[in-house]
Amino acid sequence: MKRFLLCVLALLAATALLAACGGSESAPSAPAGISAPAAVPTPEPTPTPTPTPPPYEPNILTGAARGADYGLDQRPLAVMINNITQARPQYGISKADIITEIEVEGGITRLMAIFQNYKTIGEVGPIRSARIQYLELIVPWEMIYIHDGENEATVSPLVNTLDYNQWNIKNPENYGVSYRVNRTNWAGSSLDSVHREFFSGEKLDAYLTSSGVDTQRHYNTGTFFTFVDYRDENPVRDLSTSMDSAYTTSYGPVVSNGTYAEITHNENQDFRTRFFYNSATNTYDMEQWYDSNYYGGNQWMRTMDAANNTQLTFTNLVILFTEIDNYPGTAEKGGLKRVDYKSGGVGYYFYGGKSERIFWEKGNPYDMLRLYYLSADGGNSGIPLEVNIGKTYLSVVDLDCYEMFANKSLTAEAGQNETPASRSNVGSGTTLRGAAPPEESAPAGGDDEDVIAPNSGAPEGAGAPAVEDPVVDPVLPEEDDGPALG
């Protein structure tokens, strides 16, 4: 019996020893009531946040980032500028963000200078009366429109229909905004009173403030053209690599050389504008034809701002073609011009020494002007054209003058063989070389304020412009020197 018990005890001891040896490979159990620590997960890498771009806050006329002098939520100002040969040079227009030129009655043109901030422009002029083809371009933006008089058959009904009266400053002299100034023109000749009316941004601001005119409008990110985004790393659209640069239509390549552009505004060819590309400044220098009917002209001259003696230059040229005809019953006034904005059409965009054939639309007076790329088949692609940042010259031209439009490089074929640096300045006394148009008579009829007899008031032997700066101090108008309306 004792031997049996000893055998049992020995067996139990051996079993315990084996259990102890096998348990040495596992972790010891936690004491009763205490949980084992949880496993720590490997952390995921934190993604780099995408930076939030600054808000798009462009100058609505140039597409540039707004500067310190930007008139925030301020309506731009559009001004009608006298552009007859004998009224040149003008004053203050080099500060404009957009200059528009369109034919009016009698075959002459007027300029409309558009400024983003009228408070900083100083003196501008000479100003003239309104025409509907200009008003329709600015109505969608509800710009302030300053001019001396308007056509009551076309302009006045549109102003009344759109309730535009408070922004339509049609007789600024009556409100102390404009005044008559005794100045001579490029030939040293004095001008009639209707051709020497000026205004100042300071006087306009005072009038608008005292009269309670609503000068505020928030435009959000809306711009006059669809501009390249200034926030881009390289905010420039190179036309030579543009989306349409590989297209060719029956008119030739859509994108081609654009170092020279010449616009003829009427069939008489006595109102012409041309531009030379200046590669040093990446801008287009503006010149105008001085007709032989006035002061011995018959030459090209640089378009100057007499206020600061600088030539007008532009980053962009936009030239649009459409039908321009006469309103019925206006033949006795030289044909009051009706511009077909509803049909749209073709045009050209110039930038950086290149030109690009484009399509444009507008529609009704309250519709904005829109520019589009051409499609591969030469039609409207529906894709908004990106205009480069900067100042723009905009012209709407009659289709009848399309064949006279010169879009080519600076060659003898274009009537030029000199470099831009060799061309004379207004006031230099040097005749500009260029292809003279055929002999022509003075424009008949037209705006009776602007079309005057050939060589009227010209001094004997007047030819090249006088050297002297014609700026003099403003003088108050005489009582019988009021504006001529129409």
Protein backbone atom coordinates (compact mmCIF):
# COMPACT_ATOMS: atom_id res chain seq x y z
CA MET A 1 0.00 0.00 0.00
CA LYS A 2 2.76 2.42 0.92
CA ARG A 3 4.54 1.52 -2.30
CA PHE A 4 1.39 2.32 -4.25
CA LEU A 5 1.03 5.74 -2.64
CA LEU A 6 4.66 6.57 -3.39
CA CYS A 7 4.13 5.74 -7.06
CA VAL A 8 1.05 8.03 -7.25
CA LEU A 9 2.92 10.95 -5.66
CA ALA A 10 5.84 10.50 -8.03
CA LEU A 11 3.48 10.58 -11.01
CA LEU A 12 1.81 13.80 -9.81
CA ALA A 13 5.17 15.47 -9.30
CA ALA A 14 6.29 14.59 -12.80
CA THR A 15 3.04 15.98 -14.26
CA ALA A 16 3.48 19.26 -12.38
CA LEU A 17 7.05 19.59 -13.61
CA LEU A 18 6.00 19.08 -17.23
CA ALA A 19 3.25 21.70 -16.89
CA ALA A 20 5.74 24.19 -15.48
CA CYS A 21 8.19 23.64 -18.35
CA GLY A 22 5.46 24.06 -21.05
CA GLY A 23 4.10 27.33 -19.54
CA SER A 24 7.43 29.07 -19.76
CA GLU A 25 6.77 29.96 -23.47
CA SER A 26 3.58 32.05 -22.82
CA ALA A 27 3.17 35.44 -21.21
CA PRO A 28 2.23 35.43 -17.57
CA SER A 29 -1.43 36.02 -16.91
CA ALA A 30 -2.47 39.34 -15.47
CA PRO A 31 -3.48 39.38 -11.84
CA ALA A 32 -7.19 39.01 -11.27
CA GLY A 33 -9.15 42.28 -11.91
CA ILE A 34 -6.47 44.01 -14.04
CA SER A 35 -6.83 44.23 -17.93
CA ALA A 36 -3.91 43.69 -20.28
CA PRO A 37 -2.63 46.86 -22.13
CA ALA A 38 -4.12 47.42 -25.65
CA ALA A 39 -1.87 47.30 -28.75
CA VAL A 40 -0.76 50.80 -30.07
CA PRO A 41 -1.65 51.25 -33.85
CA THR A 42 0.92 52.68 -36.31
CA PRO A 43 -0.05 56.37 -37.06
CA GLU A 44 -1.10 57.27 -40.64
CA PRO A 45 0.84 60.20 -42.32
CA THR A 46 -0.98 63.54 -42.13
CA PRO A 47 -1.87 64.82 -45.68
CA THR A 48 -0.59 68.29 -46.64
CA PRO A 49 -3.59 70.65 -46.84
CA THR A 50 -4.32 72.28 -50.20
CA PRO A 51 -3.76 76.05 -49.82
CA THR A 52 -6.87 78.15 -50.30
CA PRO A 53 -6.27 80.61 -53.17
CA PRO A 54 -6.93 84.28 -52.44
CA PRO A 55 -10.29 85.56 -53.68
CA TYR A 56 -10.46 86.71 -57.29
CA GLU A 57 -10.79 90.49 -57.05
CA PRO A 58 -10.01 91.96 -60.47
CA ASN A 59 -10.21 95.43 -61.89
CA ILE A 60 -13.35 94.99 -64.01
CA LEU A 61 -11.86 96.91 -66.98
CA THR A 62 -8.30 95.50 -67.11
CA GLY A 63 -8.45 92.18 -65.25
CA ALA A 64 -5.50 93.18 -63.05
CA ALA A 65 -5.47 92.74 -59.30
CA ARG A 66 -7.05 95.73 -57.64
CA GLY A 67 -4.52 98.31 -56.55
CA ALA A 68 -4.60 100.78 -53.69
CA ASP A 69 -6.31 103.40 -55.87
CA TYR A 70 -9.06 101.05 -57.04
CA GLY A 71 -12.52 102.55 -56.53
CA LEU A 72 -14.07 99.58 -54.74
CA ASP A 73 -17.76 99.08 -55.59
CA GLN A 74 -17.62 102.30 -57.60
CA ARG A 75 -19.30 102.63 -60.97
CA PRO A 76 -16.82 103.23 -63.81
CA LEU A 77 -17.07 106.38 -65.91
CA ALA A 78 -17.50 106.52 -69.69
CA VAL A 79 -16.78 109.83 -71.44
CA MET A 80 -17.54 110.87 -75.03
CA ILE A 81 -14.40 112.40 -76.57
CA ASN A 82 -14.18 114.66 -79.62
CA ASN A 83 -12.00 113.00 -82.28
CA ILE A 84 -12.24 115.22 -85.33
CA THR A 85 -8.85 116.05 -86.83
CA GLN A 86 -8.91 119.70 -85.87
CA ALA A 87 -9.76 118.94 -82.21
CA ARG A 88 -6.68 116.82 -81.60
CA PRO A 89 -4.72 116.21 -79.44
CA GLN A 90 -7.06 115.28 -76.61
CA TYR A 91 -6.34 115.57 -72.90
CA GLY A 92 -6.44 113.01 -70.11
CA ILE A 93 -7.35 109.99 -72.24
CA SER A 94 -4.11 108.07 -71.64
CA LYS A 95 -5.45 107.28 -68.16
CA ALA A 96 -8.44 105.42 -69.61
CA ASP A 97 -8.58 101.66 -69.11
CA ILE A 98 -10.55 101.14 -72.35
CA ILE A 99 -10.79 103.39 -75.41
CA THR A 100 -13.62 102.71 -77.87
CA GLU A 101 -13.79 104.09 -81.43
CA ILE A 102 -16.84 103.76 -83.71
CA GLU A 103 -18.08 105.61 -86.77
CA VAL A 104 -20.81 108.21 -86.32
CA GLU A 105 -22.62 110.39 -88.85
CA GLY A 106 -20.61 112.09 -91.58
CA GLY A 107 -18.04 109.30 -91.52
CA ILE A 108 -16.19 110.76 -88.52
CA THR A 109 -15.45 108.80 -85.37
CA ARG A 110 -15.69 109.59 -81.71
CA LEU A 111 -13.80 108.06 -78.84
CA MET A 112 -15.35 106.82 -75.64
CA ALA A 113 -12.84 106.73 -72.80
CA ILE A 114 -13.73 104.41 -69.92
CA PHE A 115 -12.10 104.93 -66.50
CA GLN A 116 -12.40 102.65 -63.50
CA ASN A 117 -11.77 105.42 -60.97
CA TYR A 118 -13.01 108.84 -62.07
CA LYS A 119 -11.73 110.47 -58.87
CA THR A 120 -8.10 110.27 -59.98
CA ILE A 121 -8.23 111.18 -63.68
CA GLY A 122 -7.79 114.95 -63.54
CA GLU A 123 -8.91 116.99 -66.55
CA VAL A 124 -10.33 115.26 -69.62
CA GLY A 125 -11.56 116.54 -72.97
CA PRO A 126 -12.70 117.87 -75.28
CA ILE A 127 -16.02 116.13 -74.71
CA ARG A 128 -18.83 115.70 -77.23
CA SER A 129 -22.38 114.43 -77.44
CA ALA A 130 -23.62 110.88 -76.93
CA ARG A 131 -24.43 108.26 -79.55
CA ILE A 132 -26.41 105.09 -79.00
CA GLN A 133 -23.74 102.71 -80.34
CA TYR A 134 -21.52 103.73 -77.42
CA LEU A 135 -24.25 103.77 -74.78
CA GLU A 136 -25.26 100.19 -75.61
CA LEU A 137 -21.76 98.98 -74.71
CA ILE A 138 -21.86 100.39 -71.17
CA VAL A 139 -25.54 99.93 -70.23
CA PRO A 140 -24.99 96.39 -68.85
CA TRP A 141 -22.47 97.80 -66.37
CA GLU A 142 -24.56 100.84 -65.44
CA MET A 143 -21.55 103.12 -65.85
CA ILE A 144 -21.77 106.84 -65.33
CA TYR A 145 -21.97 108.39 -68.80
CA ILE A 146 -20.80 111.97 -69.30
CA HIS A 147 -21.28 113.86 -72.57
CA ASP A 148 -22.54 117.16 -73.91
CA GLY A 149 -25.99 116.50 -75.32
CA GLU A 150 -27.49 113.43 -76.99
CA ASN A 151 -29.53 112.37 -79.97
CA GLU A 152 -33.16 112.56 -78.85
CA ALA A 153 -34.39 110.05 -81.42
CA THR A 154 -32.14 107.19 -80.28
CA VAL A 155 -30.26 107.87 -77.05
CA SER A 156 -33.03 109.53 -75.03
CA PRO A 157 -35.60 106.72 -75.49
CA LEU A 158 -33.09 104.09 -74.35
CA VAL A 159 -32.10 106.16 -71.32
CA ASN A 160 -35.76 106.54 -70.33
CA THR A 161 -36.65 102.89 -70.98
CA LEU A 162 -33.80 101.64 -68.79
CA ASP A 163 -34.30 104.32 -66.14
CA TYR A 164 -30.72 105.43 -66.69
CA ASN A 165 -31.24 109.15 -66.10
CA GLN A 166 -29.29 109.55 -62.87
CA TRP A 167 -26.12 108.10 -64.47
CA ASN A 168 -26.61 109.93 -67.78
CA ILE A 169 -24.83 113.27 -67.24
CA LYS A 170 -25.78 114.85 -70.55
CA ASN A 171 -25.22 118.56 -69.91
CA PRO A 172 -22.34 118.68 -67.42
CA GLU A 173 -21.76 122.39 -67.88
CA ASN A 174 -25.16 123.05 -66.30
CA TYR A 175 -23.95 121.35 -63.10
CA GLY A 176 -20.53 122.97 -62.84
CA VAL A 177 -18.82 119.76 -63.96
CA SER A 178 -17.47 120.99 -67.30
CA TYR A 179 -16.15 124.30 -68.59
CA ARG A 180 -14.76 125.91 -71.75
CA VAL A 181 -11.00 126.14 -72.16
CA ASN A 182 -9.06 128.35 -74.59
CA ARG A 183 -6.63 125.95 -76.20
CA THR A 184 -5.17 125.54 -79.64
CA ASN A 185 -4.94 122.34 -81.60
CA TRP A 186 -2.00 120.43 -83.09
CA ALA A 187 -1.69 123.00 -85.91
CA GLY A 188 -1.69 125.95 -83.52
CA SER A 189 -5.22 127.00 -84.52
CA SER A 190 -7.94 128.08 -82.13
CA LEU A 191 -11.19 126.12 -81.98
CA ASP A 192 -14.86 126.96 -81.84
CA SER A 193 -16.47 126.79 -78.43
CA VAL A 194 -18.16 123.43 -79.10
CA HIS A 195 -14.76 121.81 -79.56
CA ARG A 196 -13.13 122.97 -76.33
CA GLU A 197 -15.33 121.72 -73.50
CA PHE A 198 -13.48 119.92 -70.70
CA PHE A 199 -14.38 118.44 -67.33
CA SER A 200 -12.44 117.23 -64.31
CA GLY A 201 -12.82 114.14 -62.18
CA GLU A 202 -12.72 116.30 -59.07
CA LYS A 203 -15.67 118.44 -60.21
CA LEU A 204 -17.60 115.34 -61.28
CA ASP A 205 -17.06 113.69 -57.90
CA ALA A 206 -18.27 116.82 -56.11
CA TYR A 207 -21.43 116.95 -58.24
CA LEU A 208 -22.25 113.27 -57.82
CA THR A 209 -21.79 113.52 -54.06
CA SER A 210 -23.85 116.68 -53.63
CA SER A 211 -26.63 115.39 -55.90
CA GLY A 212 -26.96 112.03 -54.16
CA VAL A 213 -26.32 110.04 -57.35
CA ASP A 214 -25.98 106.31 -56.67
CA THR A 215 -22.31 105.78 -57.53
CA GLN A 216 -22.01 102.34 -55.92
CA ARG A 217 -22.36 98.96 -57.58
CA HIS A 218 -20.85 95.66 -56.50
CA TYR A 219 -19.61 93.74 -59.52
CA ASN A 220 -18.40 90.59 -57.68
CA THR A 221 -15.95 88.93 -60.10
CA GLY A 222 -17.62 90.25 -63.25
CA THR A 223 -15.29 91.86 -65.79
CA PHE A 224 -15.80 93.71 -69.07
CA PHE A 225 -13.93 90.93 -70.90
CA THR A 226 -13.08 87.40 -69.74
CA PHE A 227 -9.54 88.02 -68.56
CA VAL A 228 -6.66 85.68 -67.81
CA ASP A 229 -6.65 85.06 -64.05
CA TYR A 230 -3.98 87.24 -62.43
CA ARG A 231 -3.59 84.58 -59.69
CA ASP A 232 -2.15 82.07 -62.16
CA GLU A 233 1.54 81.24 -61.88
CA ASN A 234 2.09 82.74 -65.33
CA PRO A 235 -0.97 84.94 -66.02
CA VAL A 236 -0.38 85.35 -69.76
CA ARG A 237 -2.06 83.71 -72.74
CA ASP A 238 0.44 83.25 -75.55
CA LEU A 239 -1.55 83.37 -78.78
CA SER A 240 1.03 81.27 -80.62
CA THR A 241 0.22 78.30 -78.36
CA SER A 242 -3.46 79.05 -77.87
CA MET A 243 -6.11 76.35 -78.23
CA ASP A 244 -7.01 77.70 -81.70
CA SER A 245 -3.46 78.26 -82.93
CA ALA A 246 -3.54 75.10 -85.09
CA TYR A 247 -6.79 76.05 -86.85
CA THR A 248 -6.95 77.32 -90.42
CA THR A 249 -10.06 78.73 -92.09
CA SER A 250 -10.77 79.98 -95.60
CA TYR A 251 -9.27 83.29 -94.43
CA GLY A 252 -6.01 81.60 -93.46
CA PRO A 253 -4.56 80.65 -90.07
CA VAL A 254 -6.67 81.73 -87.10
CA VAL A 255 -3.54 82.96 -85.30
CA SER A 256 -1.06 84.89 -87.40
CA ASN A 257 1.38 87.78 -87.34
CA GLY A 258 -0.03 90.83 -85.56
CA THR A 259 2.73 93.41 -85.35
CA TYR A 260 0.71 95.93 -87.36
CA ALA A 261 -3.00 96.73 -87.57
CA GLU A 262 -4.70 99.43 -89.63
CA ILE A 263 -8.42 100.21 -89.35
CA THR A 264 -10.33 102.26 -91.91
CA HIS A 265 -13.52 103.59 -90.35
CA ASN A 266 -15.33 104.85 -93.46
CA GLU A 267 -15.30 104.38 -97.21
CA ASN A 268 -13.73 107.82 -97.74
CA GLN A 269 -10.67 106.57 -95.84
CA ASP A 270 -10.27 109.89 -94.06
CA PHE A 271 -10.69 108.40 -90.56
CA ARG A 272 -8.10 105.71 -90.03
CA THR A 273 -6.33 104.32 -86.99
CA ARG A 274 -3.25 102.13 -86.90
CA PHE A 275 -1.08 100.37 -84.33
CA PHE A 276 2.52 99.24 -84.22
CA TYR A 277 3.59 96.49 -81.87
CA ASN A 278 6.37 97.60 -79.54
CA SER A 279 8.25 94.49 -78.41
CA ALA A 280 10.15 96.44 -75.75
CA THR A 281 6.94 97.27 -73.87
CA ASN A 282 4.70 94.48 -75.21
CA THR A 283 2.13 97.10 -76.16
CA TYR A 284 0.61 98.61 -79.31
CA ASP A 285 1.36 102.27 -80.10
CA MET A 286 -1.60 104.19 -81.53
CA GLU A 287 -1.48 106.56 -84.50
CA GLN A 288 -4.22 108.34 -86.48
CA TRP A 289 -4.52 109.64 -90.02
CA TYR A 290 -4.63 113.42 -90.42
CA ASP A 291 -6.59 114.10 -93.56
CA SER A 292 -5.40 116.56 -96.19
CA ASN A 293 -8.70 118.45 -95.97
CA TYR A 294 -7.73 119.81 -92.56
CA TYR A 295 -4.72 122.06 -91.90
CA GLY A 296 -2.50 120.52 -94.54
CA GLY A 297 -2.59 117.07 -93.00
CA ASN A 298 -2.29 114.01 -95.25
CA GLN A 299 -0.01 112.23 -92.81
CA TRP A 300 0.02 109.76 -89.94
CA MET A 301 0.65 111.16 -86.48
CA ARG A 302 1.00 109.58 -83.11
CA THR A 303 -2.11 109.74 -80.93
CA MET A 304 -1.00 111.84 -78.00
CA ASP A 305 -2.37 112.85 -74.63
CA ALA A 306 -1.52 116.54 -74.42
CA ALA A 307 -1.96 116.52 -70.64
CA ASN A 308 1.21 114.48 -70.14
CA ASN A 309 2.69 114.41 -73.66
CA THR A 310 2.53 110.62 -73.88
CA GLN A 311 1.43 108.42 -76.76
CA LEU A 312 -1.59 106.19 -76.26
CA THR A 313 -0.55 102.55 -75.93
CA PHE A 314 -2.56 99.39 -75.33
CA THR A 315 -1.87 95.83 -74.26
CA ASN A 316 -4.86 94.52 -76.22
CA LEU A 317 -6.60 95.43 -79.48
CA VAL A 318 -10.15 94.17 -80.09
CA ILE A 319 -11.54 94.92 -83.56
CA LEU A 320 -15.09 93.76 -84.30
CA PHE A 321 -16.89 93.81 -87.66
CA THR A 322 -20.64 94.15 -88.22
CA GLU A 323 -23.19 95.96 -90.37
CA ILE A 324 -23.32 99.71 -89.79
CA ASP A 325 -26.00 101.56 -91.72
CA ASN A 326 -28.09 104.72 -91.40
CA TYR A 327 -31.23 105.15 -89.38
CA PRO A 328 -34.10 105.91 -91.76
CA GLY A 329 -34.72 109.59 -92.40
CA THR A 330 -31.31 110.81 -91.18
CA ALA A 331 -29.62 111.46 -94.52
CA GLU A 332 -29.82 115.21 -93.99
CA LYS A 333 -27.61 114.77 -90.92
CA GLY A 334 -25.04 112.73 -92.77
CA GLY A 335 -26.66 109.46 -91.74
CA LEU A 336 -27.17 108.71 -88.06
CA LYS A 337 -25.40 105.37 -87.64
CA ARG A 338 -27.12 102.18 -86.55
CA VAL A 339 -24.74 99.43 -85.39
CA ASP A 340 -25.96 95.85 -85.60
CA TYR A 341 -25.05 94.38 -82.21
CA LYS A 342 -27.73 91.68 -82.32
CA SER A 343 -26.19 89.55 -85.06
CA GLY A 344 -22.66 89.36 -83.69
CA GLY A 345 -19.91 88.39 -86.10
CA VAL A 346 -16.19 88.00 -86.60
CA GLY A 347 -13.36 90.09 -85.31
CA TYR A 348 -9.69 90.14 -84.37
CA TYR A 349 -7.84 90.10 -81.09
CA PHE A 350 -4.25 91.39 -80.99
CA TYR A 351 -1.74 90.70 -78.25
CA GLY A 352 2.02 90.29 -78.08
CA GLY A 353 2.66 90.78 -81.78
CA LYS A 354 0.09 88.15 -82.79
CA SER A 355 -3.45 88.43 -84.11
CA GLU A 356 -6.27 85.97 -83.56
CA ARG A 357 -9.49 85.69 -85.52
CA ILE A 358 -12.44 85.52 -83.09
CA PHE A 359 -16.22 85.54 -82.85
CA TRP A 360 -18.28 88.01 -80.84
CA GLU A 361 -21.86 88.44 -79.58
CA LYS A 362 -23.82 91.07 -77.75
CA GLY A 363 -27.56 91.01 -78.46
CA ASN A 364 -29.81 93.54 -76.74
CA PRO A 365 -28.61 96.80 -75.16
CA TYR A 366 -28.59 95.24 -71.66
CA ASP A 367 -26.55 92.22 -72.81
CA MET A 368 -22.81 92.27 -72.20
CA LEU A 369 -20.31 92.10 -75.03
CA ARG A 370 -18.78 88.63 -75.20
CA LEU A 371 -15.81 87.30 -77.18
CA TYR A 372 -15.28 83.65 -78.17
CA TYR A 373 -12.64 81.42 -79.69
CA LEU A 374 -13.33 80.12 -83.17
CA SER A 375 -14.01 76.43 -83.62
CA ALA A 376 -11.98 74.23 -85.98
CA ASP A 377 -14.52 74.88 -88.75
CA GLY A 378 -14.31 78.65 -88.31
CA GLY A 379 -17.58 79.04 -86.39
CA ASN A 380 -18.33 80.11 -82.84
CA SER A 381 -16.88 77.58 -80.40
CA GLY A 382 -18.93 78.93 -77.50
CA ILE A 383 -15.76 79.00 -75.38
CA PRO A 384 -15.12 82.47 -73.90
CA LEU A 385 -11.97 84.10 -75.24
CA GLU A 386 -9.38 84.87 -72.57
CA VAL A 387 -8.13 88.44 -72.94
CA ASN A 388 -4.76 89.28 -71.44
CA ILE A 389 -4.51 91.62 -68.49
CA GLY A 390 -4.12 95.29 -69.40
CA LYS A 391 -5.61 98.25 -71.24
CA THR A 392 -7.69 97.69 -74.37
CA TYR A 393 -8.51 99.56 -77.56
CA LEU A 394 -11.95 98.44 -78.81
CA SER A 395 -13.32 99.34 -82.24
CA VAL A 396 -16.56 98.34 -83.95
CA VAL A 397 -16.14 98.63 -87.73
CA ASP A 398 -18.50 98.48 -90.69
CA LEU A 399 -18.27 95.30 -92.75
CA ASP A 400 -18.01 97.53 -95.83
CA CYS A 401 -14.55 98.48 -94.55
CA TYR A 402 -13.40 94.92 -93.95
CA GLU A 403 -11.43 94.70 -97.19
CA MET A 404 -9.50 97.81 -96.15
CA PHE A 405 -8.51 96.32 -92.80
CA ALA A 406 -4.76 95.69 -92.74
CA ASN A 407 -3.54 92.90 -90.52
CA LYS A 408 0.06 92.22 -91.39
CA SER A 409 3.62 92.71 -90.34
CA LEU A 410 5.46 96.01 -90.59
CA THR A 411 6.46 95.94 -94.26
CA ALA A 412 6.46 98.20 -97.28
CA GLU A 413 3.26 96.43 -98.30
CA ALA A 414 1.57 98.07 -95.33
CA GLY A 415 2.78 101.45 -96.50
CA GLN A 416 5.58 101.53 -93.94
CA ASN A 417 9.27 100.83 -94.04
CA GLU A 418 10.50 102.61 -90.94
CA THR A 419 10.97 101.27 -87.45
CA PRO A 420 8.73 102.52 -84.62
CA ALA A 421 11.64 104.44 -83.13
CA SER A 422 12.05 106.49 -86.30
CA ARG A 423 8.46 107.67 -86.46
CA SER A 424 7.93 111.28 -85.47
CA ASN A 425 5.93 112.54 -82.56
CA VAL A 426 3.05 115.01 -82.78
CA GLY A 427 4.68 118.37 -82.46
CA SER A 428 8.02 117.27 -83.88
CA GLY A 429 7.55 119.02 -87.20
CA THR A 430 8.49 115.83 -89.09
CA THR A 431 6.09 114.32 -91.59
CA LEU A 432 5.43 110.66 -91.00
CA ARG A 433 6.12 108.41 -93.95
CA GLY A 434 3.16 106.37 -95.05
CA ALA A 435 0.96 105.41 -97.93
CA ALA A 436 -1.21 108.41 -98.78
CA PRO A 437 -4.84 107.67 -99.62
CA PRO A 438 -6.34 108.80 -102.90
CA GLU A 439 -7.42 112.39 -103.20
CA GLU A 440 -10.79 112.87 -101.58
CA SER A 441 -13.27 115.59 -100.89
CA ALA A 442 -14.41 116.83 -97.51
CA PRO A 443 -17.04 114.67 -95.79
CA ALA A 444 -20.50 115.84 -96.73
CA GLY A 445 -23.24 116.44 -94.23
CA GLY A 446 -22.76 114.57 -91.00
CA ASP A 447 -22.73 115.97 -87.52
CA ASP A 448 -23.11 119.68 -88.05
CA GLU A 449 -21.18 120.33 -84.87
CA ASP A 450 -18.08 118.53 -86.08
CA VAL A 451 -17.87 118.59 -89.88
CA ILE A 452 -16.43 121.95 -90.87
CA ALA A 453 -15.15 123.37 -94.10
CA PRO A 454 -11.73 122.17 -95.24
CA ASN A 455 -8.83 124.21 -93.84
CA SER A 456 -11.25 126.33 -91.86
CA GLY A 457 -9.30 128.43 -89.42
CA ALA A 458 -5.96 127.06 -90.59
CA PRO A 459 -3.07 129.48 -90.54
CA GLU A 460 -1.32 130.24 -93.80
CA GLY A 461 1.08 127.46 -94.66
CA ALA A 462 -0.09 125.20 -91.83
CA GLY A 463 1.21 121.71 -92.30
CA ALA A 464 3.21 119.94 -89.65
CA PRO A 465 2.01 120.54 -86.09
CA ALA A 466 3.40 123.26 -83.91
CA VAL A 467 6.07 122.36 -81.38
CA GLU A 468 4.70 124.35 -78.49
CA ASP A 469 2.61 122.80 -75.76
CA PRO A 470 -0.84 124.38 -76.13
CA VAL A 471 -1.78 123.91 -72.46
CA VAL A 472 -3.04 127.05 -70.77
CA ASP A 473 -4.98 127.68 -67.61
CA PRO A 474 -8.74 126.99 -67.86
CA VAL A 475 -10.97 130.01 -68.28
CA LEU A 476 -14.62 130.26 -67.41
CA PRO A 477 -17.03 130.18 -70.35
CA GLU A 478 -18.74 133.32 -71.50
CA GLU A 479 -22.49 133.50 -70.95
CA ASP A 480 -23.32 132.99 -74.63
CA ASP A 481 -20.79 130.16 -74.97
CA GLY A 482 -23.11 127.31 -74.02
CA PRO A 483 -23.00 123.80 -75.35
CA ALA A 484 -24.40 122.86 -78.72
CA LEU A 485 -26.66 119.85 -78.31
CA GLY A 486 -27.10 116.95 -80.68
